[in-house]
Amino acid sequence: MSLSTQNVPMTSGYVYIMTNRSSGTLYIGVTANIAARVTQHREASGSDFCREHGLTRLVYVERHERIEDATGREKAVKAWRRSWKLNLIGRANPDWDDLYLTLNA
């Protein structure tokens, strides 16, 4: 799966999920610049929650044409049951691979 961020207009947005291990603690976020935001999380400067829980693995990314749509989707997914979130990740990334290295592939 290639998650290229090249030539993507800045008005687009991404919903993403960070974790520390398979089926571990989850962080759901939204951003206009997925590569920069995940780098911040990996360097422990992205959010207090990610830093405190060691969430450095990007396991899910969903691109939206408009940042407003991404924000709405983020809020919806955050309200889901945990089992639904795990299923969402499992369908898109069955091995819970760290997708960070695929961002600019």
PDB file of N, CA and C in Angstrom:
ATOM      1  N   MET A   1       0.847  -1.174   0.000  1.00  0.00           N
ATOM      2  CA  MET A   1       0.000   0.000   0.000  1.00  0.00           C
ATOM      3  C   MET A   1       0.889   1.232   0.000  1.00  0.00           C
ATOM      4  N   SER A   2       0.693   2.104  -0.961  1.00  0.00           N
ATOM      5  CA  SER A   2       1.445   3.352  -1.024  1.00  0.00           C
ATOM      6  C   SER A   2       0.575   4.489  -0.510  1.00  0.00           C
ATOM      7  N   LEU A   3       1.134   5.282   0.370  1.00  0.00           N
ATOM      8  CA  LEU A   3       0.398   6.414   0.933  1.00  0.00           C
ATOM      9  C   LEU A   3       1.085   7.713   0.547  1.00  0.00           C
ATOM     10  N   SER A   4       1.433   7.846  -0.707  1.00  0.00           N
ATOM     11  CA  SER A   4       2.175   9.002  -1.171  1.00  0.00           C
ATOM     12  C   SER A   4       1.491  10.307  -0.795  1.00  0.00           C
ATOM     13  N   THR A   5       2.283  11.226  -0.279  1.00  0.00           N
ATOM     14  CA  THR A   5       1.763  12.546   0.080  1.00  0.00           C
ATOM     15  C   THR A   5       2.227  13.601  -0.912  1.00  0.00           C
ATOM     16  N   GLN A   6       2.849  13.159  -1.985  1.00  0.00           N
ATOM     17  CA  GLN A   6       3.320  14.099  -2.990  1.00  0.00           C
ATOM     18  C   GLN A   6       2.147  14.556  -3.848  1.00  0.00           C
ATOM     19  N   ASN A   7       2.137  15.836  -4.198  1.00  0.00           N
ATOM     20  CA  ASN A   7       1.121  16.440  -5.059  1.00  0.00           C
ATOM     21  C   ASN A   7      -0.299  16.364  -4.482  1.00  0.00           C
ATOM     22  N   VAL A   8      -0.419  16.397  -3.176  1.00  0.00           N
ATOM     23  CA  VAL A   8      -1.727  16.397  -2.525  1.00  0.00           C
ATOM     24  C   VAL A   8      -2.009  17.825  -2.072  1.00  0.00           C
ATOM     25  N   PRO A   9      -3.141  18.414  -2.496  1.00  0.00           N
ATOM     26  CA  PRO A   9      -3.439  19.785  -2.077  1.00  0.00           C
ATOM     27  C   PRO A   9      -3.577  19.877  -0.567  1.00  0.00           C
ATOM     28  N   MET A  10      -3.157  21.010   0.010  1.00  0.00           N
ATOM     29  CA  MET A  10      -3.169  21.172   1.454  1.00  0.00           C
ATOM     30  C   MET A  10      -4.574  21.263   2.030  1.00  0.00           C
ATOM     31  N   THR A  11      -5.597  21.372   1.208  1.00  0.00           N
ATOM     32  CA  THR A  11      -6.956  21.404   1.731  1.00  0.00           C
ATOM     33  C   THR A  11      -7.467  19.998   2.027  1.00  0.00           C
ATOM     34  N   SER A  12      -6.721  18.976   1.609  1.00  0.00           N
ATOM     35  CA  SER A  12      -7.130  17.619   1.922  1.00  0.00           C
ATOM     36  C   SER A  12      -6.757  17.301   3.363  1.00  0.00           C
ATOM     37  N   GLY A  13      -7.279  16.201   3.865  1.00  0.00           N
ATOM     38  CA  GLY A  13      -6.996  15.836   5.240  1.00  0.00           C
ATOM     39  C   GLY A  13      -6.893  14.335   5.397  1.00  0.00           C
ATOM     40  N   TYR A  14      -6.334  13.935   6.520  1.00  0.00           N
ATOM     41  CA  TYR A  14      -6.136  12.528   6.820  1.00  0.00           C
ATOM     42  C   TYR A  14      -6.640  12.217   8.217  1.00  0.00           C
ATOM     43  N   VAL A  15      -7.320  11.102   8.343  1.00  0.00           N
ATOM     44  CA  VAL A  15      -7.627  10.520   9.644  1.00  0.00           C
ATOM     45  C   VAL A  15      -6.600   9.414   9.819  1.00  0.00           C
ATOM     46  N   TYR A  16      -6.017   9.319  11.002  1.00  0.00           N
ATOM     47  CA  TYR A  16      -4.976   8.321  11.198  1.00  0.00           C
ATOM     48  C   TYR A  16      -5.079   7.729  12.593  1.00  0.00           C
ATOM     49  N   ILE A  17      -4.511   6.534  12.737  1.00  0.00           N
ATOM     50  CA  ILE A  17      -4.489   5.865  14.032  1.00  0.00           C
ATOM     51  C   ILE A  17      -3.056   5.462  14.351  1.00  0.00           C
ATOM     52  N   MET A  18      -2.628   5.847  15.547  1.00  0.00           N
ATOM     53  CA  MET A  18      -1.311   5.487  16.081  1.00  0.00           C
ATOM     54  C   MET A  18      -1.512   4.458  17.190  1.00  0.00           C
ATOM     55  N   THR A  19      -0.521   3.596  17.386  1.00  0.00           N
ATOM     56  CA  THR A  19      -0.555   2.623  18.466  1.00  0.00           C
ATOM     57  C   THR A  19       0.859   2.307  18.918  1.00  0.00           C
ATOM     58  N   ASN A  20       0.962   1.480  19.950  1.00  0.00           N
ATOM     59  CA  ASN A  20       2.260   1.035  20.436  1.00  0.00           C
ATOM     60  C   ASN A  20       2.521  -0.429  20.090  1.00  0.00           C
ATOM     61  N   ARG A  21       1.461  -1.177  19.789  1.00  0.00           N
ATOM     62  CA  ARG A  21       1.592  -2.596  19.431  1.00  0.00           C
ATOM     63  C   ARG A  21       0.252  -3.074  18.882  1.00  0.00           C
ATOM     64  N   SER A  22       0.225  -4.268  18.332  1.00  0.00           N
ATOM     65  CA  SER A  22      -1.028  -4.828  17.829  1.00  0.00           C
ATOM     66  C   SER A  22      -2.066  -4.860  18.936  1.00  0.00           C
ATOM     67  N   SER A  23      -3.240  -4.350  18.638  1.00  0.00           N
ATOM     68  CA  SER A  23      -4.357  -4.297  19.587  1.00  0.00           C
ATOM     69  C   SER A  23      -4.022  -3.534  20.864  1.00  0.00           C
ATOM     70  N   GLY A  24      -3.048  -2.637  20.783  1.00  0.00           N
ATOM     71  CA  GLY A  24      -2.636  -1.853  21.946  1.00  0.00           C
ATOM     72  C   GLY A  24      -3.457  -0.579  22.094  1.00  0.00           C
ATOM     73  N   THR A  25      -2.897   0.374  22.824  1.00  0.00           N
ATOM     74  CA  THR A  25      -3.540   1.671  23.019  1.00  0.00           C
ATOM     75  C   THR A  25      -3.664   2.371  21.671  1.00  0.00           C
ATOM     76  N   LEU A  26      -4.799   3.023  21.438  1.00  0.00           N
ATOM     77  CA  LEU A  26      -5.041   3.698  20.163  1.00  0.00           C
ATOM     78  C   LEU A  26      -5.159   5.206  20.350  1.00  0.00           C
ATOM     79  N   TYR A  27      -4.634   5.930  19.364  1.00  0.00           N
ATOM     80  CA  TYR A  27      -4.796   7.381  19.287  1.00  0.00           C
ATOM     81  C   TYR A  27      -5.332   7.678  17.903  1.00  0.00           C
ATOM     82  N   ILE A  28      -6.440   8.372  17.819  1.00  0.00           N
ATOM     83  CA  ILE A  28      -7.034   8.737  16.537  1.00  0.00           C
ATOM     84  C   ILE A  28      -6.862  10.233  16.355  1.00  0.00           C
ATOM     85  N   GLY A  29      -6.308  10.612  15.213  1.00  0.00           N
ATOM     86  CA  GLY A  29      -6.068  12.024  14.951  1.00  0.00           C
ATOM     87  C   GLY A  29      -6.464  12.421  13.548  1.00  0.00           C
ATOM     88  N   VAL A  30      -6.385  13.729  13.293  1.00  0.00           N
ATOM     89  CA  VAL A  30      -6.659  14.278  11.973  1.00  0.00           C
ATOM     90  C   VAL A  30      -5.591  15.315  11.677  1.00  0.00           C
ATOM     91  N   THR A  31      -5.184  15.390  10.425  1.00  0.00           N
ATOM     92  CA  THR A  31      -4.143  16.335  10.045  1.00  0.00           C
ATOM     93  C   THR A  31      -4.226  16.631   8.551  1.00  0.00           C
ATOM     94  N   ALA A  32      -3.650  17.752   8.153  1.00  0.00           N
ATOM     95  CA  ALA A  32      -3.525  18.079   6.734  1.00  0.00           C
ATOM     96  C   ALA A  32      -2.192  17.571   6.177  1.00  0.00           C
ATOM     97  N   ASN A  33      -1.220  17.318   7.053  1.00  0.00           N
ATOM     98  CA  ASN A  33       0.108  16.867   6.623  1.00  0.00           C
ATOM     99  C   ASN A  33       0.478  15.613   7.400  1.00  0.00           C
ATOM    100  N   ILE A  34       0.117  14.467   6.852  1.00  0.00           N
ATOM    101  CA  ILE A  34       0.273  13.201   7.563  1.00  0.00           C
ATOM    102  C   ILE A  34       1.735  12.879   7.860  1.00  0.00           C
ATOM    103  N   ALA A  35       2.627  13.111   6.909  1.00  0.00           N
ATOM    104  CA  ALA A  35       4.038  12.772   7.129  1.00  0.00           C
ATOM    105  C   ALA A  35       4.628  13.590   8.277  1.00  0.00           C
ATOM    106  N   ALA A  36       4.367  14.884   8.282  1.00  0.00           N
ATOM    107  CA  ALA A  36       4.900  15.747   9.338  1.00  0.00           C
ATOM    108  C   ALA A  36       4.298  15.400  10.698  1.00  0.00           C
ATOM    109  N   ARG A  37       3.002  15.141  10.724  1.00  0.00           N
ATOM    110  CA  ARG A  37       2.336  14.861  12.003  1.00  0.00           C
ATOM    111  C   ARG A  37       2.816  13.548  12.611  1.00  0.00           C
ATOM    112  N   VAL A  38       2.948  12.518  11.798  1.00  0.00           N
ATOM    113  CA  VAL A  38       3.413  11.229  12.319  1.00  0.00           C
ATOM    114  C   VAL A  38       4.870  11.335  12.760  1.00  0.00           C
ATOM    115  N   THR A  39       5.663  12.102  12.049  1.00  0.00           N
ATOM    116  CA  THR A  39       7.044  12.335  12.480  1.00  0.00           C
ATOM    117  C   THR A  39       7.055  12.976  13.863  1.00  0.00           C
ATOM    118  N   GLN A  40       6.179  13.936  14.083  1.00  0.00           N
ATOM    119  CA  GLN A  40       6.083  14.564  15.411  1.00  0.00           C
ATOM    120  C   GLN A  40       5.754  13.517  16.478  1.00  0.00           C
ATOM    121  N   HIS A  41       4.801  12.661  16.201  1.00  0.00           N
ATOM    122  CA  HIS A  41       4.441  11.621  17.175  1.00  0.00           C
ATOM    123  C   HIS A  41       5.640  10.706  17.444  1.00  0.00           C
ATOM    124  N   ARG A  42       6.340  10.320  16.402  1.00  0.00           N
ATOM    125  CA  ARG A  42       7.484   9.405  16.558  1.00  0.00           C
ATOM    126  C   ARG A  42       8.617  10.060  17.344  1.00  0.00           C
ATOM    127  N   GLU A  43       8.704  11.383  17.273  1.00  0.00           N
ATOM    128  CA  GLU A  43       9.747  12.114  17.996  1.00  0.00           C
ATOM    129  C   GLU A  43       9.256  12.616  19.357  1.00  0.00           C
ATOM    130  N   ALA A  44       8.086  12.158  19.784  1.00  0.00           N
ATOM    131  CA  ALA A  44       7.497  12.485  21.086  1.00  0.00           C
ATOM    132  C   ALA A  44       7.156  13.965  21.241  1.00  0.00           C
ATOM    133  N   SER A  45       6.870  14.638  20.120  1.00  0.00           N
ATOM    134  CA  SER A  45       6.464  16.039  20.199  1.00  0.00           C
ATOM    135  C   SER A  45       5.077  16.252  19.584  1.00  0.00           C
ATOM    136  N   GLY A  46       4.390  15.174  19.207  1.00  0.00           N
ATOM    137  CA  GLY A  46       3.106  15.287  18.534  1.00  0.00           C
ATOM    138  C   GLY A  46       1.938  15.500  19.459  1.00  0.00           C
ATOM    139  N   SER A  47       1.883  14.776  20.549  1.00  0.00           N
ATOM    140  CA  SER A  47       0.811  14.930  21.532  1.00  0.00           C
ATOM    141  C   SER A  47       1.270  14.327  22.843  1.00  0.00           C
ATOM    142  N   ASP A  48       0.766  14.870  23.923  1.00  0.00           N
ATOM    143  CA  ASP A  48       1.111  14.338  25.239  1.00  0.00           C
ATOM    144  C   ASP A  48       0.655  12.889  25.365  1.00  0.00           C
ATOM    145  N   PHE A  49      -0.540  12.581  24.864  1.00  0.00           N
ATOM    146  CA  PHE A  49      -1.080  11.228  24.975  1.00  0.00           C
ATOM    147  C   PHE A  49      -0.172  10.220  24.273  1.00  0.00           C
ATOM    148  N   CYS A  50       0.232  10.521  23.052  1.00  0.00           N
ATOM    149  CA  CYS A  50       1.107   9.602  22.316  1.00  0.00           C
ATOM    150  C   CYS A  50       2.454   9.446  23.018  1.00  0.00           C
ATOM    151  N   ARG A  51       2.987  10.529  23.510  1.00  0.00           N
ATOM    152  CA  ARG A  51       4.273  10.466  24.206  1.00  0.00           C
ATOM    153  C   ARG A  51       4.153   9.620  25.479  1.00  0.00           C
ATOM    154  N   GLU A  52       3.123   9.871  26.273  1.00  0.00           N
ATOM    155  CA  GLU A  52       2.945   9.159  27.540  1.00  0.00           C
ATOM    156  C   GLU A  52       2.717   7.661  27.354  1.00  0.00           C
ATOM    157  N   HIS A  53       2.098   7.281  26.230  1.00  0.00           N
ATOM    158  CA  HIS A  53       1.787   5.870  25.993  1.00  0.00           C
ATOM    159  C   HIS A  53       2.716   5.199  24.981  1.00  0.00           C
ATOM    160  N   GLY A  54       3.706   5.928  24.494  1.00  0.00           N
ATOM    161  CA  GLY A  54       4.660   5.359  23.549  1.00  0.00           C
ATOM    162  C   GLY A  54       4.040   4.964  22.225  1.00  0.00           C
ATOM    163  N   LEU A  55       3.117   5.773  21.738  1.00  0.00           N
ATOM    164  CA  LEU A  55       2.427   5.467  20.486  1.00  0.00           C
ATOM    165  C   LEU A  55       3.223   6.020  19.305  1.00  0.00           C
ATOM    166  N   THR A  56       3.983   5.165  18.668  1.00  0.00           N
ATOM    167  CA  THR A  56       4.852   5.595  17.571  1.00  0.00           C
ATOM    168  C   THR A  56       4.566   4.867  16.260  1.00  0.00           C
ATOM    169  N   ARG A  57       3.659   3.925  16.269  1.00  0.00           N
ATOM    170  CA  ARG A  57       3.359   3.139  15.073  1.00  0.00           C
ATOM    171  C   ARG A  57       2.088   3.637  14.395  1.00  0.00           C
ATOM    172  N   LEU A  58       2.219   4.026  13.138  1.00  0.00           N
ATOM    173  CA  LEU A  58       1.080   4.421  12.313  1.00  0.00           C
ATOM    174  C   LEU A  58       0.481   3.149  11.724  1.00  0.00           C
ATOM    175  N   VAL A  59      -0.761   2.824  12.091  1.00  0.00           N
ATOM    176  CA  VAL A  59      -1.357   1.572  11.621  1.00  0.00           C
ATOM    177  C   VAL A  59      -2.566   1.769  10.712  1.00  0.00           C
ATOM    178  N   TYR A  60      -3.042   3.007  10.604  1.00  0.00           N
ATOM    179  CA  TYR A  60      -4.206   3.252   9.745  1.00  0.00           C
ATOM    180  C   TYR A  60      -4.170   4.687   9.243  1.00  0.00           C
ATOM    181  N   VAL A  61      -4.468   4.859   7.961  1.00  0.00           N
ATOM    182  CA  VAL A  61      -4.556   6.191   7.350  1.00  0.00           C
ATOM    183  C   VAL A  61      -5.729   6.192   6.379  1.00  0.00           C
ATOM    184  N   GLU A  62      -6.486   7.259   6.422  1.00  0.00           N
ATOM    185  CA  GLU A  62      -7.636   7.424   5.532  1.00  0.00           C
ATOM    186  C   GLU A  62      -7.593   8.850   4.991  1.00  0.00           C
ATOM    187  N   ARG A  63      -7.475   8.998   3.666  1.00  0.00           N
ATOM    188  CA  ARG A  63      -7.381  10.322   3.038  1.00  0.00           C
ATOM    189  C   ARG A  63      -8.760  10.836   2.660  1.00  0.00           C
ATOM    190  N   HIS A  64      -8.961  12.134   2.873  1.00  0.00           N
ATOM    191  CA  HIS A  64     -10.204  12.810   2.490  1.00  0.00           C
ATOM    192  C   HIS A  64      -9.864  14.031   1.650  1.00  0.00           C
ATOM    193  N   GLU A  65     -10.699  14.322   0.682  1.00  0.00           N
ATOM    194  CA  GLU A  65     -10.465  15.468  -0.196  1.00  0.00           C
ATOM    195  C   GLU A  65     -10.492  16.790   0.559  1.00  0.00           C
ATOM    196  N   ARG A  66     -11.322  16.875   1.584  1.00  0.00           N
ATOM    197  CA  ARG A  66     -11.445  18.119   2.345  1.00  0.00           C
ATOM    198  C   ARG A  66     -11.131  17.855   3.814  1.00  0.00           C
ATOM    199  N   ILE A  67     -10.390  18.769   4.434  1.00  0.00           N
ATOM    200  CA  ILE A  67     -10.022  18.623   5.840  1.00  0.00           C
ATOM    201  C   ILE A  67     -11.272  18.570   6.723  1.00  0.00           C
ATOM    202  N   GLU A  68     -12.319  19.268   6.327  1.00  0.00           N
ATOM    203  CA  GLU A  68     -13.568  19.253   7.096  1.00  0.00           C
ATOM    204  C   GLU A  68     -14.177  17.848   7.136  1.00  0.00           C
ATOM    205  N   ASP A  69     -14.080  17.136   6.015  1.00  0.00           N
ATOM    206  CA  ASP A  69     -14.583  15.760   5.972  1.00  0.00           C
ATOM    207  C   ASP A  69     -13.743  14.849   6.867  1.00  0.00           C
ATOM    208  N   ALA A  70     -12.438  15.065   6.848  1.00  0.00           N
ATOM    209  CA  ALA A  70     -11.544  14.277   7.702  1.00  0.00           C
ATOM    210  C   ALA A  70     -11.855  14.529   9.175  1.00  0.00           C
ATOM    211  N   THR A  71     -12.112  15.774   9.524  1.00  0.00           N
ATOM    212  CA  THR A  71     -12.432  16.116  10.915  1.00  0.00           C
ATOM    213  C   THR A  71     -13.732  15.445  11.355  1.00  0.00           C
ATOM    214  N   GLY A  72     -14.714  15.446  10.488  1.00  0.00           N
ATOM    215  CA  GLY A  72     -15.975  14.780  10.798  1.00  0.00           C
ATOM    216  C   GLY A  72     -15.802  13.281  10.972  1.00  0.00           C
ATOM    217  N   ARG A  73     -15.009  12.688  10.101  1.00  0.00           N
ATOM    218  CA  ARG A  73     -14.748  11.245  10.193  1.00  0.00           C
ATOM    219  C   ARG A  73     -13.981  10.914  11.473  1.00  0.00           C
ATOM    220  N   GLU A  74     -13.000  11.747  11.821  1.00  0.00           N
ATOM    221  CA  GLU A  74     -12.234  11.529  13.058  1.00  0.00           C
ATOM    222  C   GLU A  74     -13.179  11.500  14.262  1.00  0.00           C
ATOM    223  N   LYS A  75     -14.076  12.448  14.335  1.00  0.00           N
ATOM    224  CA  LYS A  75     -15.020  12.511  15.461  1.00  0.00           C
ATOM    225  C   LYS A  75     -15.910  11.273  15.492  1.00  0.00           C
ATOM    226  N   ALA A  76     -16.339  10.832  14.321  1.00  0.00           N
ATOM    227  CA  ALA A  76     -17.186   9.639  14.254  1.00  0.00           C
ATOM    228  C   ALA A  76     -16.427   8.402  14.731  1.00  0.00           C
ATOM    229  N   VAL A  77     -15.208   8.208  14.231  1.00  0.00           N
ATOM    230  CA  VAL A  77     -14.422   7.025  14.604  1.00  0.00           C
ATOM    231  C   VAL A  77     -14.080   7.048  16.091  1.00  0.00           C
ATOM    232  N   LYS A  78     -13.781   8.215  16.627  1.00  0.00           N
ATOM    233  CA  LYS A  78     -13.494   8.315  18.061  1.00  0.00           C
ATOM    234  C   LYS A  78     -14.684   7.854  18.903  1.00  0.00           C
ATOM    235  N   ALA A  79     -15.896   8.031  18.395  1.00  0.00           N
ATOM    236  CA  ALA A  79     -17.096   7.654  19.131  1.00  0.00           C
ATOM    237  C   ALA A  79     -17.422   6.158  19.011  1.00  0.00           C
ATOM    238  N   TRP A  80     -16.748   5.469  18.113  1.00  0.00           N
ATOM    239  CA  TRP A  80     -17.001   4.043  17.909  1.00  0.00           C
ATOM    240  C   TRP A  80     -16.570   3.224  19.106  1.00  0.00           C
ATOM    241  N   ARG A  81     -17.127   2.017  19.190  1.00  0.00           N
ATOM    242  CA  ARG A  81     -16.656   1.023  20.151  1.00  0.00           C
ATOM    243  C   ARG A  81     -15.240   0.607  19.766  1.00  0.00           C
ATOM    244  N   ARG A  82     -14.457   0.225  20.757  1.00  0.00           N
ATOM    245  CA  ARG A  82     -13.080  -0.196  20.506  1.00  0.00           C
ATOM    246  C   ARG A  82     -13.025  -1.347  19.499  1.00  0.00           C
ATOM    247  N   SER A  83     -13.918  -2.297  19.609  1.00  0.00           N
ATOM    248  CA  SER A  83     -13.910  -3.453  18.706  1.00  0.00           C
ATOM    249  C   SER A  83     -14.079  -3.023  17.251  1.00  0.00           C
ATOM    250  N   TRP A  84     -14.870  -1.994  17.000  1.00  0.00           N
ATOM    251  CA  TRP A  84     -15.058  -1.496  15.638  1.00  0.00           C
ATOM    252  C   TRP A  84     -13.760  -0.878  15.120  1.00  0.00           C
ATOM    253  N   LYS A  85     -13.059  -0.149  15.989  1.00  0.00           N
ATOM    254  CA  LYS A  85     -11.786   0.465  15.600  1.00  0.00           C
ATOM    255  C   LYS A  85     -10.755  -0.614  15.267  1.00  0.00           C
ATOM    256  N   LEU A  86     -10.688  -1.651  16.103  1.00  0.00           N
ATOM    257  CA  LEU A  86      -9.751  -2.745  15.849  1.00  0.00           C
ATOM    258  C   LEU A  86     -10.083  -3.438  14.535  1.00  0.00           C
ATOM    259  N   ASN A  87     -11.366  -3.603  14.237  1.00  0.00           N
ATOM    260  CA  ASN A  87     -11.795  -4.214  12.986  1.00  0.00           C
ATOM    261  C   ASN A  87     -11.415  -3.335  11.791  1.00  0.00           C
ATOM    262  N   LEU A  88     -11.580  -2.030  11.926  1.00  0.00           N
ATOM    263  CA  LEU A  88     -11.209  -1.090  10.859  1.00  0.00           C
ATOM    264  C   LEU A  88      -9.727  -1.238  10.525  1.00  0.00           C
ATOM    265  N   ILE A  89      -8.894  -1.250  11.547  1.00  0.00           N
ATOM    266  CA  ILE A  89      -7.454  -1.415  11.337  1.00  0.00           C
ATOM    267  C   ILE A  89      -7.162  -2.783  10.740  1.00  0.00           C
ATOM    268  N   GLY A  90      -7.765  -3.817  11.298  1.00  0.00           N
ATOM    269  CA  GLY A  90      -7.516  -5.180  10.836  1.00  0.00           C
ATOM    270  C   GLY A  90      -7.879  -5.414   9.383  1.00  0.00           C
ATOM    271  N   ARG A  91      -8.938  -4.774   8.917  1.00  0.00           N
ATOM    272  CA  ARG A  91      -9.330  -4.917   7.508  1.00  0.00           C
ATOM    273  C   ARG A  91      -8.328  -4.223   6.583  1.00  0.00           C
ATOM    274  N   ALA A  92      -7.850  -3.059   6.968  1.00  0.00           N
ATOM    275  CA  ALA A  92      -6.937  -2.284   6.122  1.00  0.00           C
ATOM    276  C   ALA A  92      -5.479  -2.708   6.278  1.00  0.00           C
ATOM    277  N   ASN A  93      -5.131  -3.208   7.454  1.00  0.00           N
ATOM    278  CA  ASN A  93      -3.731  -3.511   7.778  1.00  0.00           C
ATOM    279  C   ASN A  93      -3.703  -4.743   8.688  1.00  0.00           C
ATOM    280  N   PRO A  94      -3.972  -5.932   8.122  1.00  0.00           N
ATOM    281  CA  PRO A  94      -4.142  -7.146   8.930  1.00  0.00           C
ATOM    282  C   PRO A  94      -2.963  -7.478   9.846  1.00  0.00           C
ATOM    283  N   ASP A  95      -1.754  -7.126   9.429  1.00  0.00           N
ATOM    284  CA  ASP A  95      -0.576  -7.437  10.241  1.00  0.00           C
ATOM    285  C   ASP A  95      -0.171  -6.291  11.154  1.00  0.00           C
ATOM    286  N   TRP A  96      -0.963  -5.222  11.166  1.00  0.00           N
ATOM    287  CA  TRP A  96      -0.679  -4.045  11.994  1.00  0.00           C
ATOM    288  C   TRP A  96       0.738  -3.520  11.723  1.00  0.00           C
ATOM    289  N   ASP A  97       1.113  -3.524  10.445  1.00  0.00           N
ATOM    290  CA  ASP A  97       2.432  -2.997  10.059  1.00  0.00           C
ATOM    291  C   ASP A  97       2.491  -1.501  10.334  1.00  0.00           C
ATOM    292  N   ASP A  98       3.697  -1.002  10.615  1.00  0.00           N
ATOM    293  CA  ASP A  98       3.912   0.435  10.767  1.00  0.00           C
ATOM    294  C   ASP A  98       3.949   1.036   9.359  1.00  0.00           C
ATOM    295  N   LEU A  99       2.990   1.871   9.045  1.00  0.00           N
ATOM    296  CA  LEU A  99       2.852   2.436   7.704  1.00  0.00           C
ATOM    297  C   LEU A  99       3.702   3.680   7.474  1.00  0.00           C
ATOM    298  N   TYR A 100       4.436   4.080   8.472  1.00  0.00           N
ATOM    299  CA  TYR A 100       5.221   5.319   8.383  1.00  0.00           C
ATOM    300  C   TYR A 100       6.149   5.323   7.173  1.00  0.00           C
ATOM    301  N   LEU A 101       6.840   4.222   6.922  1.00  0.00           N
ATOM    302  CA  LEU A 101       7.791   4.179   5.818  1.00  0.00           C
ATOM    303  C   LEU A 101       7.135   4.197   4.445  1.00  0.00           C
ATOM    304  N   THR A 102       5.828   3.995   4.387  1.00  0.00           N
ATOM    305  CA  THR A 102       5.114   4.023   3.098  1.00  0.00           C
ATOM    306  C   THR A 102       4.561   5.399   2.765  1.00  0.00           C
ATOM    307  N   LEU A 103       4.711   6.354   3.660  1.00  0.00           N
ATOM    308  CA  LEU A 103       4.080   7.667   3.443  1.00  0.00           C
ATOM    309  C   LEU A 103       4.541   8.365   2.178  1.00  0.00           C
ATOM    310  N   ASN A 104       5.795   8.319   1.861  1.00  0.00           N
ATOM    311  CA  ASN A 104       6.299   9.014   0.682  1.00  0.00           C
ATOM    312  C   ASN A 104       6.861   8.051  -0.363  1.00  0.00           C
ATOM    313  N   ALA A 105       6.394   6.814  -0.298  1.00  0.00           N
ATOM    314  CA  ALA A 105       6.876   5.793  -1.248  1.00  0.00           C
ATOM    315  C   ALA A 105       6.267   5.992  -2.622  1.00  0.00           C
TER     316      ALA A 105
END
